[in-house]
Amino acid sequence: MNVVHDLAHWRSQRRPLYVAIGFFDGVHRGHARLIQAAVRLARRHQGEAWVLTFDLHPARILQPSAAPRLLTEQPQKLQALAALGVDGVMVVPFTRALAQLPPQRFLTLLRAGAPTLTHLFVGPNWRFGKNRAGTVDTLCRFARQHHIAVSVARPARHRGDIISSTRVRSALANGDLTGVTAMLGRPFGFKGTVVRGTRLGHKLGYPTANLQPGSAALPPFGIYAVMARADRQLLPAVVSYGVRPTIASDSDPVIELHIFDFDKNLYGKAVEILFVRRLRDEKAFATLAALKSQIARDVRRARRILQGLKLWERIPLHSGKRHTIVRPEHNKERRKNREGSSAA
């Protein structure tokens, strides 16, 4: 999949362009429906399917204090778009100057930059241009004048209501991972780099890989059954996310990942966590022994949850890369000898 940042790239394009436009945070089921329509038509007419998106959420420029935490940071969004089969993604830098363009001027620049633009795909509430004055009707009038087709996607629904990035963020903030998974069409994921910790998990018999949460949207503090992409494998694990009240009540939240039956060094490596089920709230324990007993119960419960075959089938792998899926280990002796990851 090509990733470019300048509309001028399309000027040399000879095949018809089928372009889906939007910010597409989360790449949820509604986004997928829109983008897959572009892919299908492009394949049918020997064209190319592209996504036009932006490097920043518009609110980051126009209303920084109101900008939401993103469901997918740029690398994860590109990964999700690649999985939908697009030929390329045009990532346009979102600037204040771009935001001030009148709707007609924006469309004129788009048309000039893409001479073979054949078909545009947008959501029903898509707005663009200065003060968000451009609407789907504005787009359709312009498109008719330039012999460009426009498709307006029918919104996807969950529990009777329209799926939106805002609704997914709300469900995530409330810890409704079942709803989040249903609306995204896949488990919610977060990627971070493994850093050194206090090694307390190792001393308790449950070594952890510690990740910095960063600025991405995350579920509430708590303990979670998760899958982890690490060392080119998809591995069952459990995560603690919070301020570790039993130990020191850290002022900054930390993510501690305990991968089952895994003993490789992950320091400095990028690991993706796919949240599957919330197990419990974070809580303080009177002693480290009580904490260790609870961790053992969390691990047993997470193993049971992650054994479902349907779950494994619903987690997409990186596009174009081979990964090994490792199922939860049932052998008690192996579990005893190899529990955990190597980072602490």
C-alpha atoms as a PDB file:
ATOM      1  CA  MET A   1       0.000   0.000   0.000  1.00  0.00           C
ATOM      2  CA  ASN A   2       1.354   3.430  -0.991  1.00  0.00           C
ATOM      3  CA  VAL A   3       1.351   6.235   1.588  1.00  0.00           C
ATOM      4  CA  VAL A   4       1.887   9.739   0.175  1.00  0.00           C
ATOM      5  CA  HIS A   5       1.432  13.279   1.486  1.00  0.00           C
ATOM      6  CA  ASP A   6       1.039  15.511  -1.563  1.00  0.00           C
ATOM      7  CA  LEU A   7      -1.919  15.691  -3.953  1.00  0.00           C
ATOM      8  CA  ALA A   8       0.582  16.218  -6.771  1.00  0.00           C
ATOM      9  CA  HIS A   9       1.299  12.474  -6.575  1.00  0.00           C
ATOM     10  CA  TRP A  10      -2.010  11.827  -8.331  1.00  0.00           C
ATOM     11  CA  ARG A  11      -1.209  14.041 -11.339  1.00  0.00           C
ATOM     12  CA  SER A  12       0.760  11.232 -12.958  1.00  0.00           C
ATOM     13  CA  GLN A  13      -1.971   8.669 -12.242  1.00  0.00           C
ATOM     14  CA  ARG A  14      -3.371   7.105 -15.419  1.00  0.00           C
ATOM     15  CA  ARG A  15      -5.928   4.699 -13.976  1.00  0.00           C
ATOM     16  CA  PRO A  16      -9.320   5.879 -12.645  1.00  0.00           C
ATOM     17  CA  LEU A  17      -9.187   6.954  -8.986  1.00  0.00           C
ATOM     18  CA  TYR A  18     -11.845   5.829  -6.497  1.00  0.00           C
ATOM     19  CA  VAL A  19     -11.289   7.876  -3.344  1.00  0.00           C
ATOM     20  CA  ALA A  20     -12.861   7.610   0.124  1.00  0.00           C
ATOM     21  CA  ILE A  21     -12.497  10.835   2.138  1.00  0.00           C
ATOM     22  CA  GLY A  22     -12.558  11.204   5.906  1.00  0.00           C
ATOM     23  CA  PHE A  23     -10.471  11.264   9.069  1.00  0.00           C
ATOM     24  CA  PHE A  24     -11.505   7.662   9.841  1.00  0.00           C
ATOM     25  CA  ASP A  25     -10.418   7.558  13.494  1.00  0.00           C
ATOM     26  CA  GLY A  26     -10.795   3.963  14.668  1.00  0.00           C
ATOM     27  CA  VAL A  27     -11.581   2.688  11.150  1.00  0.00           C
ATOM     28  CA  HIS A  28     -14.840   1.316  12.564  1.00  0.00           C
ATOM     29  CA  ARG A  29     -17.478  -0.739  10.744  1.00  0.00           C
ATOM     30  CA  GLY A  30     -19.085   2.357   9.201  1.00  0.00           C
ATOM     31  CA  HIS A  31     -15.721   3.482   7.837  1.00  0.00           C
ATOM     32  CA  ALA A  32     -15.012  -0.022   6.581  1.00  0.00           C
ATOM     33  CA  ARG A  33     -18.327  -0.127   4.686  1.00  0.00           C
ATOM     34  CA  LEU A  34     -17.442   3.130   2.911  1.00  0.00           C
ATOM     35  CA  ILE A  35     -13.872   2.139   2.055  1.00  0.00           C
ATOM     36  CA  GLN A  36     -14.784  -1.364   0.919  1.00  0.00           C
ATOM     37  CA  ALA A  37     -17.308   0.123  -1.509  1.00  0.00           C
ATOM     38  CA  ALA A  38     -14.470   2.118  -3.074  1.00  0.00           C
ATOM     39  CA  VAL A  39     -12.286  -1.000  -3.271  1.00  0.00           C
ATOM     40  CA  ARG A  40     -15.016  -3.061  -4.943  1.00  0.00           C
ATOM     41  CA  LEU A  41     -15.754  -0.476  -7.638  1.00  0.00           C
ATOM     42  CA  ALA A  42     -12.075   0.176  -8.296  1.00  0.00           C
ATOM     43  CA  ARG A  43     -11.475  -3.531  -8.861  1.00  0.00           C
ATOM     44  CA  ARG A  44     -14.517  -3.800 -11.117  1.00  0.00           C
ATOM     45  CA  HIS A  45     -13.402  -0.919 -13.352  1.00  0.00           C
ATOM     46  CA  GLN A  46      -9.625  -1.524 -13.331  1.00  0.00           C
ATOM     47  CA  GLY A  47      -9.041   1.563 -11.201  1.00  0.00           C
ATOM     48  CA  GLU A  48      -7.225   2.235  -7.950  1.00  0.00           C
ATOM     49  CA  ALA A  49      -8.860   2.585  -4.522  1.00  0.00           C
ATOM     50  CA  TRP A  50      -7.427   5.286  -2.286  1.00  0.00           C
ATOM     51  CA  VAL A  51      -8.226   6.900   1.034  1.00  0.00           C
ATOM     52  CA  LEU A  52      -7.754  10.635   1.513  1.00  0.00           C
ATOM     53  CA  THR A  53      -7.275  11.453   5.178  1.00  0.00           C
ATOM     54  CA  PHE A  54      -5.402  13.951   7.374  1.00  0.00           C
ATOM     55  CA  ASP A  55      -2.349  13.705   9.601  1.00  0.00           C
ATOM     56  CA  LEU A  56      -4.086  15.468  12.518  1.00  0.00           C
ATOM     57  CA  HIS A  57      -7.613  15.535  13.871  1.00  0.00           C
ATOM     58  CA  PRO A  58      -9.039  18.933  12.801  1.00  0.00           C
ATOM     59  CA  ALA A  59      -9.739  19.815  16.442  1.00  0.00           C
ATOM     60  CA  ARG A  60      -5.997  19.623  17.170  1.00  0.00           C
ATOM     61  CA  ILE A  61      -5.613  22.769  15.047  1.00  0.00           C
ATOM     62  CA  LEU A  62      -8.969  24.501  15.489  1.00  0.00           C
ATOM     63  CA  GLN A  63      -9.812  23.672  19.123  1.00  0.00           C
ATOM     64  CA  PRO A  64      -6.791  22.053  20.799  1.00  0.00           C
ATOM     65  CA  SER A  65      -8.411  21.932  24.247  1.00  0.00           C
ATOM     66  CA  ALA A  66     -11.351  19.985  22.802  1.00  0.00           C
ATOM     67  CA  ALA A  67      -9.335  17.571  20.676  1.00  0.00           C
ATOM     68  CA  PRO A  68     -10.237  13.957  21.487  1.00  0.00           C
ATOM     69  CA  ARG A  69      -7.780  11.195  22.286  1.00  0.00           C
ATOM     70  CA  LEU A  70      -7.530   9.116  19.139  1.00  0.00           C
ATOM     71  CA  LEU A  71      -8.724   5.526  18.839  1.00  0.00           C
ATOM     72  CA  THR A  72      -6.024   4.881  16.235  1.00  0.00           C
ATOM     73  CA  GLU A  73      -2.779   6.765  16.020  1.00  0.00           C
ATOM     74  CA  GLN A  74      -1.370   7.118  12.530  1.00  0.00           C
ATOM     75  CA  PRO A  75       0.546   3.810  12.243  1.00  0.00           C
ATOM     76  CA  GLN A  76      -2.425   1.789  13.522  1.00  0.00           C
ATOM     77  CA  LYS A  77      -4.839   3.642  11.237  1.00  0.00           C
ATOM     78  CA  LEU A  78      -2.668   2.944   8.199  1.00  0.00           C
ATOM     79  CA  GLN A  79      -2.460  -0.704   9.227  1.00  0.00           C
ATOM     80  CA  ALA A  80      -6.248  -0.954   9.472  1.00  0.00           C
ATOM     81  CA  LEU A  81      -6.712   0.767   6.100  1.00  0.00           C
ATOM     82  CA  ALA A  82      -4.223  -1.586   4.451  1.00  0.00           C
ATOM     83  CA  ALA A  83      -6.213  -4.537   5.793  1.00  0.00           C
ATOM     84  CA  LEU A  84      -9.261  -3.242   3.870  1.00  0.00           C
ATOM     85  CA  GLY A  85      -7.397  -3.632   0.578  1.00  0.00           C
ATOM     86  CA  VAL A  86      -6.840  -0.028  -0.528  1.00  0.00           C
ATOM     87  CA  ASP A  87      -4.077   0.689  -3.017  1.00  0.00           C
ATOM     88  CA  GLY A  88      -2.911   3.806  -1.235  1.00  0.00           C
ATOM     89  CA  VAL A  89      -3.526   6.462   1.393  1.00  0.00           C
ATOM     90  CA  MET A  90      -3.127  10.189   0.775  1.00  0.00           C
ATOM     91  CA  VAL A  91      -2.279  11.714   4.184  1.00  0.00           C
ATOM     92  CA  VAL A  92      -2.812  15.457   3.769  1.00  0.00           C
ATOM     93  CA  PRO A  93      -1.210  17.718   6.401  1.00  0.00           C
ATOM     94  CA  PHE A  94      -4.070  19.468   8.227  1.00  0.00           C
ATOM     95  CA  THR A  95      -3.120  23.108   8.758  1.00  0.00           C
ATOM     96  CA  ARG A  96      -4.930  26.288   9.713  1.00  0.00           C
ATOM     97  CA  ALA A  97      -4.523  27.458   6.109  1.00  0.00           C
ATOM     98  CA  LEU A  98      -6.247  24.314   4.844  1.00  0.00           C
ATOM     99  CA  ALA A  99      -9.051  24.790   7.375  1.00  0.00           C
ATOM    100  CA  GLN A 100      -9.634  28.319   6.042  1.00  0.00           C
ATOM    101  CA  LEU A 101     -10.153  27.207   2.430  1.00  0.00           C
ATOM    102  CA  PRO A 102     -13.719  27.783   1.178  1.00  0.00           C
ATOM    103  CA  PRO A 103     -15.420  24.479   0.244  1.00  0.00           C
ATOM    104  CA  GLN A 104     -15.313  25.184  -3.498  1.00  0.00           C
ATOM    105  CA  ARG A 105     -11.611  26.022  -3.343  1.00  0.00           C
ATOM    106  CA  PHE A 106     -10.852  22.768  -1.530  1.00  0.00           C
ATOM    107  CA  LEU A 107     -12.718  20.769  -4.176  1.00  0.00           C
ATOM    108  CA  THR A 108     -11.010  22.668  -7.001  1.00  0.00           C
ATOM    109  CA  LEU A 109      -7.585  21.829  -5.544  1.00  0.00           C
ATOM    110  CA  LEU A 110      -8.615  18.195  -5.179  1.00  0.00           C
ATOM    111  CA  ARG A 111      -9.784  18.027  -8.789  1.00  0.00           C
ATOM    112  CA  ALA A 112      -6.638  19.712 -10.085  1.00  0.00           C
ATOM    113  CA  GLY A 113      -4.457  17.336  -8.095  1.00  0.00           C
ATOM    114  CA  ALA A 114      -6.272  14.237  -9.355  1.00  0.00           C
ATOM    115  CA  PRO A 115      -7.065  14.470 -13.092  1.00  0.00           C
ATOM    116  CA  THR A 116      -8.346  10.872 -13.209  1.00  0.00           C
ATOM    117  CA  LEU A 117     -10.607  11.259 -10.164  1.00  0.00           C
ATOM    118  CA  THR A 118     -13.666   9.196 -11.062  1.00  0.00           C
ATOM    119  CA  HIS A 119     -15.631   8.476  -7.897  1.00  0.00           C
ATOM    120  CA  LEU A 120     -15.731   9.930  -4.364  1.00  0.00           C
ATOM    121  CA  PHE A 121     -17.031   8.126  -1.276  1.00  0.00           C
ATOM    122  CA  VAL A 122     -18.075  10.016   1.869  1.00  0.00           C
ATOM    123  CA  GLY A 123     -20.190   9.535   4.966  1.00  0.00           C
ATOM    124  CA  PRO A 124     -23.660  11.149   5.224  1.00  0.00           C
ATOM    125  CA  ASN A 125     -22.486  13.798   7.706  1.00  0.00           C
ATOM    126  CA  TRP A 126     -19.214  14.701   6.029  1.00  0.00           C
ATOM    127  CA  ARG A 127     -18.395  18.415   6.311  1.00  0.00           C
ATOM    128  CA  PHE A 128     -15.435  20.293   4.883  1.00  0.00           C
ATOM    129  CA  GLY A 129     -14.028  23.727   4.146  1.00  0.00           C
ATOM    130  CA  LYS A 130     -14.009  26.937   6.173  1.00  0.00           C
ATOM    131  CA  ASN A 131     -16.396  26.805   9.144  1.00  0.00           C
ATOM    132  CA  ARG A 132     -17.402  23.320   7.954  1.00  0.00           C
ATOM    133  CA  ALA A 133     -19.622  25.052   5.411  1.00  0.00           C
ATOM    134  CA  GLY A 134     -19.234  22.336   2.784  1.00  0.00           C
ATOM    135  CA  THR A 135     -21.819  19.562   2.886  1.00  0.00           C
ATOM    136  CA  VAL A 136     -22.566  16.418   0.912  1.00  0.00           C
ATOM    137  CA  ASP A 137     -24.901  18.524  -1.263  1.00  0.00           C
ATOM    138  CA  THR A 138     -22.028  20.945  -1.959  1.00  0.00           C
ATOM    139  CA  LEU A 139     -19.866  18.014  -2.993  1.00  0.00           C
ATOM    140  CA  CYS A 140     -22.540  16.500  -5.230  1.00  0.00           C
ATOM    141  CA  ARG A 141     -23.137  19.783  -7.091  1.00  0.00           C
ATOM    142  CA  PHE A 142     -19.411  20.176  -7.753  1.00  0.00           C
ATOM    143  CA  ALA A 143     -19.043  16.524  -8.767  1.00  0.00           C
ATOM    144  CA  ARG A 144     -21.835  16.736 -11.352  1.00  0.00           C
ATOM    145  CA  GLN A 145     -20.102  19.693 -13.007  1.00  0.00           C
ATOM    146  CA  HIS A 146     -16.868  17.703 -13.272  1.00  0.00           C
ATOM    147  CA  HIS A 147     -18.374  14.317 -14.198  1.00  0.00           C
ATOM    148  CA  ILE A 148     -17.335  12.700 -10.925  1.00  0.00           C
ATOM    149  CA  ALA A 149     -19.594  10.140  -9.259  1.00  0.00           C
ATOM    150  CA  VAL A 150     -20.360  10.410  -5.537  1.00  0.00           C
ATOM    151  CA  SER A 151     -21.432   7.620  -3.200  1.00  0.00           C
ATOM    152  CA  VAL A 152     -22.748   8.448   0.271  1.00  0.00           C
ATOM    153  CA  ALA A 153     -22.334   5.492   2.591  1.00  0.00           C
ATOM    154  CA  ARG A 154     -25.258   4.137   4.537  1.00  0.00           C
ATOM    155  CA  PRO A 155     -24.203   4.308   8.219  1.00  0.00           C
ATOM    156  CA  ALA A 156     -23.516   1.106  10.116  1.00  0.00           C
ATOM    157  CA  ARG A 157     -25.478   0.543  13.316  1.00  0.00           C
ATOM    158  CA  HIS A 158     -24.943  -1.177  16.636  1.00  0.00           C
ATOM    159  CA  ARG A 159     -27.840  -1.826  19.007  1.00  0.00           C
ATOM    160  CA  GLY A 160     -30.020   0.350  16.791  1.00  0.00           C
ATOM    161  CA  ASP A 161     -27.839   3.473  16.865  1.00  0.00           C
ATOM    162  CA  ILE A 162     -25.356   4.782  14.294  1.00  0.00           C
ATOM    163  CA  ILE A 163     -21.723   3.846  14.857  1.00  0.00           C
ATOM    164  CA  SER A 164     -19.396   6.839  15.087  1.00  0.00           C
ATOM    165  CA  SER A 165     -15.876   7.432  16.362  1.00  0.00           C
ATOM    166  CA  THR A 166     -17.343   9.530  19.185  1.00  0.00           C
ATOM    167  CA  ARG A 167     -19.630   6.678  20.211  1.00  0.00           C
ATOM    168  CA  VAL A 168     -16.743   4.184  20.158  1.00  0.00           C
ATOM    169  CA  ARG A 169     -14.650   6.523  22.347  1.00  0.00           C
ATOM    170  CA  SER A 170     -17.524   6.795  24.822  1.00  0.00           C
ATOM    171  CA  ALA A 171     -17.919   3.013  25.034  1.00  0.00           C
ATOM    172  CA  LEU A 172     -14.171   2.631  25.523  1.00  0.00           C
ATOM    173  CA  ALA A 173     -14.108   5.250  28.287  1.00  0.00           C
ATOM    174  CA  ASN A 174     -16.904   3.328  30.045  1.00  0.00           C
ATOM    175  CA  GLY A 175     -15.046   0.014  29.775  1.00  0.00           C
ATOM    176  CA  ASP A 176     -17.619  -1.494  27.394  1.00  0.00           C
ATOM    177  CA  LEU A 177     -15.152  -3.609  25.429  1.00  0.00           C
ATOM    178  CA  THR A 178     -17.925  -5.817  24.050  1.00  0.00           C
ATOM    179  CA  GLY A 179     -19.532  -2.761  22.473  1.00  0.00           C
ATOM    180  CA  VAL A 180     -16.196  -1.403  21.279  1.00  0.00           C
ATOM    181  CA  THR A 181     -15.298  -4.693  19.593  1.00  0.00           C
ATOM    182  CA  ALA A 182     -18.738  -4.899  17.957  1.00  0.00           C
ATOM    183  CA  MET A 183     -18.505  -1.348  16.587  1.00  0.00           C
ATOM    184  CA  LEU A 184     -14.903  -1.603  15.399  1.00  0.00           C
ATOM    185  CA  GLY A 185     -15.347  -5.104  13.991  1.00  0.00           C
ATOM    186  CA  ARG A 186     -12.152  -6.132  15.818  1.00  0.00           C
ATOM    187  CA  PRO A 187     -10.672  -5.777  19.314  1.00  0.00           C
ATOM    188  CA  PHE A 188      -9.457  -2.306  20.267  1.00  0.00           C
ATOM    189  CA  GLY A 189      -5.668  -2.040  20.092  1.00  0.00           C
ATOM    190  CA  PHE A 190      -2.931   0.132  21.552  1.00  0.00           C
ATOM    191  CA  LYS A 191       0.759   0.076  20.615  1.00  0.00           C
ATOM    192  CA  GLY A 192       3.677   1.110  22.816  1.00  0.00           C
ATOM    193  CA  THR A 193       7.374   0.550  23.371  1.00  0.00           C
ATOM    194  CA  VAL A 194       8.543  -1.682  26.214  1.00  0.00           C
ATOM    195  CA  VAL A 195      10.486   0.220  28.891  1.00  0.00           C
ATOM    196  CA  ARG A 196      12.261  -0.865  32.043  1.00  0.00           C
ATOM    197  CA  GLY A 197      10.221  -1.127  35.214  1.00  0.00           C
ATOM    198  CA  THR A 198      10.827  -1.983  38.878  1.00  0.00           C
ATOM    199  CA  ARG A 199      10.907  -5.770  38.236  1.00  0.00           C
ATOM    200  CA  LEU A 200       8.395  -6.299  41.046  1.00  0.00           C
ATOM    201  CA  GLY A 201       6.310  -8.511  38.748  1.00  0.00           C
ATOM    202  CA  HIS A 202       9.324 -10.761  38.252  1.00  0.00           C
ATOM    203  CA  LYS A 203       9.768 -11.061  42.011  1.00  0.00           C
ATOM    204  CA  LEU A 204       6.097 -12.021  42.391  1.00  0.00           C
ATOM    205  CA  GLY A 205       6.459 -14.743  39.745  1.00  0.00           C
ATOM    206  CA  TYR A 206       4.596 -12.827  37.013  1.00  0.00           C
ATOM    207  CA  PRO A 207       7.153 -10.889  34.926  1.00  0.00           C
ATOM    208  CA  THR A 208       5.721  -7.924  33.071  1.00  0.00           C
ATOM    209  CA  ALA A 209       6.614  -5.853  30.053  1.00  0.00           C
ATOM    210  CA  ASN A 210       5.965  -2.202  30.929  1.00  0.00           C
ATOM    211  CA  LEU A 211       4.601   0.155  28.270  1.00  0.00           C
ATOM    212  CA  GLN A 212       4.056   3.894  28.335  1.00  0.00           C
ATOM    213  CA  PRO A 213       0.363   4.722  27.671  1.00  0.00           C
ATOM    214  CA  GLY A 214       1.104   7.761  25.488  1.00  0.00           C
ATOM    215  CA  SER A 215      -1.728   9.952  24.181  1.00  0.00           C
ATOM    216  CA  ALA A 216      -4.006   7.326  22.627  1.00  0.00           C
ATOM    217  CA  ALA A 217      -7.503   6.669  23.953  1.00  0.00           C
ATOM    218  CA  LEU A 218      -7.562   3.843  26.491  1.00  0.00           C
ATOM    219  CA  PRO A 219     -10.163   2.056  28.628  1.00  0.00           C
ATOM    220  CA  PRO A 220     -10.528   2.848  32.360  1.00  0.00           C
ATOM    221  CA  PHE A 221      -7.943   1.726  34.894  1.00  0.00           C
ATOM    222  CA  GLY A 222      -8.271  -1.976  35.597  1.00  0.00           C
ATOM    223  CA  ILE A 223      -7.155  -5.500  34.807  1.00  0.00           C
ATOM    224  CA  TYR A 224      -7.802  -6.926  31.320  1.00  0.00           C
ATOM    225  CA  ALA A 225      -7.553 -10.161  29.351  1.00  0.00           C
ATOM    226  CA  VAL A 226      -5.715  -9.189  26.166  1.00  0.00           C
ATOM    227  CA  MET A 227      -3.872 -10.454  23.132  1.00  0.00           C
ATOM    228  CA  ALA A 228      -0.397  -9.072  22.465  1.00  0.00           C
ATOM    229  CA  ARG A 229       1.427  -8.765  19.146  1.00  0.00           C
ATOM    230  CA  ALA A 230       5.058  -9.316  20.064  1.00  0.00           C
ATOM    231  CA  ASP A 231       8.044 -10.939  18.380  1.00  0.00           C
ATOM    232  CA  ARG A 232       5.882 -11.604  15.281  1.00  0.00           C
ATOM    233  CA  GLN A 233       3.436 -13.625  17.342  1.00  0.00           C
ATOM    234  CA  LEU A 234      -0.098 -13.098  18.612  1.00  0.00           C
ATOM    235  CA  LEU A 235       0.057 -14.096  22.274  1.00  0.00           C
ATOM    236  CA  PRO A 236      -2.489 -14.437  25.111  1.00  0.00           C
ATOM    237  CA  ALA A 237      -1.789 -12.172  28.069  1.00  0.00           C
ATOM    238  CA  VAL A 238      -3.170 -10.108  30.937  1.00  0.00           C
ATOM    239  CA  VAL A 239      -2.711  -6.346  31.442  1.00  0.00           C
ATOM    240  CA  SER A 240      -2.802  -4.103  34.482  1.00  0.00           C
ATOM    241  CA  TYR A 241      -3.453  -0.450  33.626  1.00  0.00           C
ATOM    242  CA  GLY A 242      -3.399   2.163  36.361  1.00  0.00           C
ATOM    243  CA  VAL A 243      -1.380   3.715  39.169  1.00  0.00           C
ATOM    244  CA  ARG A 244      -0.477   0.499  41.085  1.00  0.00           C
ATOM    245  CA  PRO A 245      -2.114   1.483  44.424  1.00  0.00           C
ATOM    246  CA  THR A 246      -0.702  -1.527  46.326  1.00  0.00           C
ATOM    247  CA  ILE A 247       2.891  -0.554  45.580  1.00  0.00           C
ATOM    248  CA  ALA A 248       3.315   3.200  45.421  1.00  0.00           C
ATOM    249  CA  SER A 249       0.201   4.770  43.918  1.00  0.00           C
ATOM    250  CA  ASP A 250       2.113   6.189  40.959  1.00  0.00           C
ATOM    251  CA  SER A 251       1.062   9.643  39.858  1.00  0.00           C
ATOM    252  CA  ASP A 252       1.445   8.619  36.203  1.00  0.00           C
ATOM    253  CA  PRO A 253      -0.462   5.581  34.939  1.00  0.00           C
ATOM    254  CA  VAL A 254       1.483   2.589  33.709  1.00  0.00           C
ATOM    255  CA  ILE A 255       0.631  -0.443  31.596  1.00  0.00           C
ATOM    256  CA  GLU A 256       2.036  -3.763  32.797  1.00  0.00           C
ATOM    257  CA  LEU A 257       1.720  -6.651  30.352  1.00  0.00           C
ATOM    258  CA  HIS A 258       2.160 -10.267  31.489  1.00  0.00           C
ATOM    259  CA  ILE A 259       2.406 -12.607  28.472  1.00  0.00           C
ATOM    260  CA  PHE A 260       1.674 -16.272  29.156  1.00  0.00           C
ATOM    261  CA  ASP A 261       4.422 -18.820  28.486  1.00  0.00           C
ATOM    262  CA  PHE A 262       6.808 -16.294  26.941  1.00  0.00           C
ATOM    263  CA  ASP A 263      10.455 -15.759  27.877  1.00  0.00           C
ATOM    264  CA  LYS A 264      11.963 -13.493  25.208  1.00  0.00           C
ATOM    265  CA  ASN A 265      13.471 -10.053  25.799  1.00  0.00           C
ATOM    266  CA  LEU A 266      11.145  -7.250  24.658  1.00  0.00           C
ATOM    267  CA  TYR A 267      12.999  -4.183  25.952  1.00  0.00           C
ATOM    268  CA  GLY A 268      12.890  -1.372  23.401  1.00  0.00           C
ATOM    269  CA  LYS A 269      10.513  -3.259  21.101  1.00  0.00           C
ATOM    270  CA  ALA A 270       7.060  -2.147  19.985  1.00  0.00           C
ATOM    271  CA  VAL A 271       4.221  -4.284  21.323  1.00  0.00           C
ATOM    272  CA  GLU A 272       0.532  -3.966  20.453  1.00  0.00           C
ATOM    273  CA  ILE A 273      -2.104  -4.819  23.049  1.00  0.00           C
ATOM    274  CA  LEU A 274      -5.569  -5.914  21.872  1.00  0.00           C
ATOM    275  CA  PHE A 275      -8.100  -5.507  24.695  1.00  0.00           C
ATOM    276  CA  VAL A 276     -10.519  -8.447  24.871  1.00  0.00           C
ATOM    277  CA  ARG A 277     -12.275  -8.482  28.267  1.00  0.00           C
ATOM    278  CA  ARG A 278     -12.246  -6.353  31.403  1.00  0.00           C
ATOM    279  CA  LEU A 279     -11.588  -8.572  34.427  1.00  0.00           C
ATOM    280  CA  ARG A 280     -11.886  -6.183  37.366  1.00  0.00           C
ATOM    281  CA  ASP A 281     -11.149  -2.721  38.752  1.00  0.00           C
ATOM    282  CA  GLU A 282      -7.714  -1.777  39.976  1.00  0.00           C
ATOM    283  CA  LYS A 283      -7.554  -1.996  43.774  1.00  0.00           C
ATOM    284  CA  ALA A 284      -5.104  -1.783  46.678  1.00  0.00           C
ATOM    285  CA  PHE A 285      -4.174  -4.948  48.583  1.00  0.00           C
ATOM    286  CA  ALA A 286      -2.978  -5.101  52.188  1.00  0.00           C
ATOM    287  CA  THR A 287       0.060  -7.248  51.386  1.00  0.00           C
ATOM    288  CA  LEU A 288       2.115  -8.330  48.389  1.00  0.00           C
ATOM    289  CA  ALA A 289       1.057 -11.926  49.130  1.00  0.00           C
ATOM    290  CA  ALA A 290      -2.603 -10.925  48.701  1.00  0.00           C
ATOM    291  CA  LEU A 291      -1.706  -9.153  45.450  1.00  0.00           C
ATOM    292  CA  LYS A 292       0.115 -12.251  44.171  1.00  0.00           C
ATOM    293  CA  SER A 293      -2.907 -14.458  44.942  1.00  0.00           C
ATOM    294  CA  GLN A 294      -5.189 -12.092  43.031  1.00  0.00           C
ATOM    295  CA  ILE A 295      -2.810 -12.011  40.054  1.00  0.00           C
ATOM    296  CA  ALA A 296      -2.936 -15.815  39.946  1.00  0.00           C
ATOM    297  CA  ARG A 297      -6.741 -15.685  39.826  1.00  0.00           C
ATOM    298  CA  ASP A 298      -6.635 -13.004  37.106  1.00  0.00           C
ATOM    299  CA  VAL A 299      -4.273 -15.120  34.999  1.00  0.00           C
ATOM    300  CA  ARG A 300      -6.443 -18.249  35.321  1.00  0.00           C
ATOM    301  CA  ARG A 301      -9.549 -16.313  34.339  1.00  0.00           C
ATOM    302  CA  ALA A 302      -7.823 -14.621  31.391  1.00  0.00           C
ATOM    303  CA  ARG A 303      -6.624 -18.005  30.102  1.00  0.00           C
ATOM    304  CA  ARG A 304     -10.179 -19.340  30.131  1.00  0.00           C
ATOM    305  CA  ILE A 305     -11.513 -16.271  28.311  1.00  0.00           C
ATOM    306  CA  LEU A 306      -8.832 -16.398  25.604  1.00  0.00           C
ATOM    307  CA  GLN A 307      -9.384 -20.047  24.731  1.00  0.00           C
ATOM    308  CA  GLY A 308     -12.446 -19.389  22.536  1.00  0.00           C
ATOM    309  CA  LEU A 309     -11.802 -20.314  18.893  1.00  0.00           C
ATOM    310  CA  LYS A 310     -14.066 -17.577  17.500  1.00  0.00           C
ATOM    311  CA  LEU A 311     -11.997 -14.958  19.270  1.00  0.00           C
ATOM    312  CA  TRP A 312      -8.817 -16.034  17.499  1.00  0.00           C
ATOM    313  CA  GLU A 313     -10.520 -15.875  14.138  1.00  0.00           C
ATOM    314  CA  ARG A 314     -11.706 -12.272  14.705  1.00  0.00           C
ATOM    315  CA  ILE A 315      -8.296 -10.737  15.376  1.00  0.00           C
ATOM    316  CA  PRO A 316      -6.752  -9.521  12.082  1.00  0.00           C
ATOM    317  CA  LEU A 317      -3.017  -9.809  11.579  1.00  0.00           C
ATOM    318  CA  HIS A 318      -0.721  -7.186  10.080  1.00  0.00           C
ATOM    319  CA  SER A 319      -1.348  -6.884   6.358  1.00  0.00           C
ATOM    320  CA  GLY A 320       1.337  -8.575   4.342  1.00  0.00           C
ATOM    321  CA  LYS A 321       3.196 -10.027   7.313  1.00  0.00           C
ATOM    322  CA  ARG A 322       3.234 -13.505   8.706  1.00  0.00           C
ATOM    323  CA  HIS A 323       2.348 -13.995  12.348  1.00  0.00           C
ATOM    324  CA  THR A 324       2.085 -17.062  14.507  1.00  0.00           C
ATOM    325  CA  ILE A 325      -1.012 -17.381  16.682  1.00  0.00           C
ATOM    326  CA  VAL A 326      -0.124 -18.947  20.028  1.00  0.00           C
ATOM    327  CA  ARG A 327      -3.033 -20.468  21.915  1.00  0.00           C
ATOM    328  CA  PRO A 328      -3.136 -20.454  25.723  1.00  0.00           C
ATOM    329  CA  GLU A 329      -0.915 -23.177  27.130  1.00  0.00           C
ATOM    330  CA  HIS A 330      -2.782 -25.852  29.083  1.00  0.00           C
ATOM    331  CA  ASN A 331       0.215 -27.833  30.262  1.00  0.00           C
ATOM    332  CA  LYS A 332       0.524 -27.006  33.962  1.00  0.00           C
ATOM    333  CA  GLU A 333       4.192 -27.950  34.216  1.00  0.00           C
ATOM    334  CA  ARG A 334       5.163 -25.816  31.226  1.00  0.00           C
ATOM    335  CA  ARG A 335       3.081 -22.985  32.615  1.00  0.00           C
ATOM    336  CA  LYS A 336       4.890 -23.200  35.936  1.00  0.00           C
ATOM    337  CA  ASN A 337       8.328 -23.141  34.322  1.00  0.00           C
ATOM    338  CA  ARG A 338       7.737 -20.506  31.633  1.00  0.00           C
ATOM    339  CA  GLU A 339       5.178 -18.094  33.072  1.00  0.00           C
ATOM    340  CA  GLY A 340       5.456 -14.550  31.820  1.00  0.00           C
ATOM    341  CA  SER A 341       7.549 -12.299  29.650  1.00  0.00           C
ATOM    342  CA  SER A 342      11.161 -11.365  30.062  1.00  0.00           C
ATOM    343  CA  ALA A 343      10.761  -7.626  30.710  1.00  0.00           C
ATOM    344  CA  ALA A 344       9.935  -6.403  34.188  1.00  0.00           C
END
